[in-house]
C-alpha cells in the first residue's frame, strides 16, 4: 500500500526504539514518520511543535482576536488560514479521520 508521508523525516521503528531522543534531535525539531515493514505506524512530534499546534488549534476555536505570532509551519502562500484552522479544529473536535493534506 502506498502512503503519503506527512513530514520530511522518516525512521524505522527499530532505530526509533533504540534512541528516540537522537531521532528527534536528528530531525531538527520537525515531526518524524516512524515506519514498520515500510508502512508509517505513527508520527513523533517534538514537545515544542506539539505545543505550537495545540496553541494554533485553540486560537482557531476561539477566533476572538488576531494571532500575533503564527509559527512558520502554519503559514503559506495563498492559504485561507481561518478556513484551514476551522476545518482542522472541527475534525479534531469531532474525531474525524482523513488525510491531513486536505486541510492545505
Protein backbone atom coordinates (compact mmCIF):
# COMPACT_ATOMS: atom_id res chain seq x y z
CA UNK A 1 0.00 0.00 0.00
CA UNK A 2 1.32 3.42 -0.97
CA UNK A 3 1.24 6.03 1.79
CA UNK A 4 1.87 9.75 1.78
CA UNK A 5 4.46 10.82 4.32
CA UNK A 6 3.26 13.97 6.07
CA UNK A 7 6.68 15.20 7.15
CA UNK A 8 10.25 15.43 5.91
CA UNK A 9 11.83 12.76 8.10
CA UNK A 10 11.26 9.01 8.38
CA UNK A 11 12.90 6.36 10.51
CA UNK A 12 12.36 2.64 11.05
CA UNK A 13 10.75 1.75 14.36
CA UNK A 14 13.78 -0.31 15.42
CA UNK A 15 16.06 2.75 15.17
CA UNK A 16 13.47 4.94 16.88
CA UNK A 17 13.06 2.46 19.77
CA UNK A 18 16.79 2.25 20.34
CA UNK A 19 17.21 6.02 20.82
CA UNK A 20 14.10 8.19 20.36
CA UNK A 21 15.84 11.37 21.57
CA UNK A 22 18.55 11.01 18.93
CA UNK A 23 15.94 10.53 16.19
CA UNK A 24 14.07 13.66 17.26
CA UNK A 25 17.31 15.65 17.51
CA UNK A 26 18.33 14.49 14.03
CA UNK A 27 15.05 15.85 12.61
CA UNK A 28 15.91 19.29 13.98
CA UNK A 29 12.54 19.99 15.59
CA UNK A 30 10.35 18.59 12.82
CA UNK A 31 7.97 15.65 13.08
CA UNK A 32 9.23 12.14 12.28
CA UNK A 33 7.28 9.42 10.49
CA UNK A 34 8.06 6.11 12.22
CA UNK A 35 7.66 3.08 9.98
CA UNK A 36 7.46 -0.66 10.36
CA UNK A 37 7.57 -3.03 7.37
CA UNK A 38 7.62 0.01 5.05
CA UNK A 39 4.33 1.40 6.41
CA UNK A 40 4.01 4.53 8.53
CA UNK A 41 2.85 3.49 12.00
CA UNK A 42 2.86 6.86 13.75
CA UNK A 43 4.35 10.33 13.80
CA UNK A 44 6.60 11.50 16.61
CA UNK A 45 6.30 15.22 17.25
CA UNK A 46 8.71 17.17 19.49
CA UNK A 47 7.07 18.83 22.50
CA UNK A 48 7.66 22.38 21.23
CA UNK A 49 6.00 21.66 17.87
CA UNK A 50 3.08 19.90 19.57
CA UNK A 51 2.58 22.89 21.87
CA UNK A 52 2.59 25.22 18.84
CA UNK A 53 0.00 23.03 17.12
CA UNK A 54 -2.26 22.98 20.19
CA UNK A 55 -1.98 26.77 20.56
CA UNK A 56 -2.89 27.22 16.91
CA UNK A 57 -5.94 24.94 17.17
CA UNK A 58 -7.09 26.58 20.40
CA UNK A 59 -6.81 30.00 18.80
CA UNK A 60 -8.83 28.85 15.81
CA UNK A 61 -11.57 27.58 18.12
CA UNK A 62 -11.73 30.92 19.98
CA UNK A 63 -11.47 33.12 16.92
CA UNK A 64 -11.80 36.25 19.05
CA UNK A 65 -8.62 38.11 18.10
CA UNK A 66 -5.79 38.11 15.60
CA UNK A 67 -2.84 35.82 16.10
CA UNK A 68 0.22 37.94 16.73
CA UNK A 69 2.72 35.18 16.05
CA UNK A 70 1.81 32.20 13.86
CA UNK A 71 4.57 29.57 13.73
CA UNK A 72 6.11 29.42 10.25
CA UNK A 73 4.94 25.82 9.80
CA UNK A 74 1.34 27.08 9.77
CA UNK A 75 1.64 29.80 7.15
CA UNK A 76 1.61 29.53 3.42
CA UNK A 77 1.18 31.47 0.24
CA UNK A 78 -2.43 31.56 -0.85
CA UNK A 79 -3.83 29.69 2.15
CA UNK A 80 -7.01 30.87 3.85
CA UNK A 81 -5.73 30.19 7.36
CA UNK A 82 -9.09 30.88 9.03
CA UNK A 83 -10.70 28.21 6.86
CA UNK A 84 -7.83 25.75 7.36
CA UNK A 85 -7.84 26.30 11.13
CA UNK A 86 -11.62 25.91 11.37
CA UNK A 87 -11.55 22.67 9.41
CA UNK A 88 -8.65 21.32 11.49
CA UNK A 89 -10.38 22.22 14.76
CA UNK A 90 -13.67 20.70 13.61
CA UNK A 91 -12.07 17.42 12.53
CA UNK A 92 -10.02 17.14 15.72
CA UNK A 93 -13.01 18.02 17.92
CA UNK A 94 -15.28 15.52 16.15
CA UNK A 95 -12.62 12.81 15.93
CA UNK A 96 -13.00 12.58 12.15
CA UNK A 97 -10.26 10.76 10.27
CA UNK A 98 -8.81 11.67 6.92
CA UNK A 99 -5.68 12.84 5.24
CA UNK A 100 -4.22 15.94 6.81
CA UNK A 101 -3.09 17.37 3.46
CA UNK A 102 -6.75 18.03 2.65
CA UNK A 103 -6.54 20.99 5.08
CA UNK A 104 -4.00 22.86 2.99
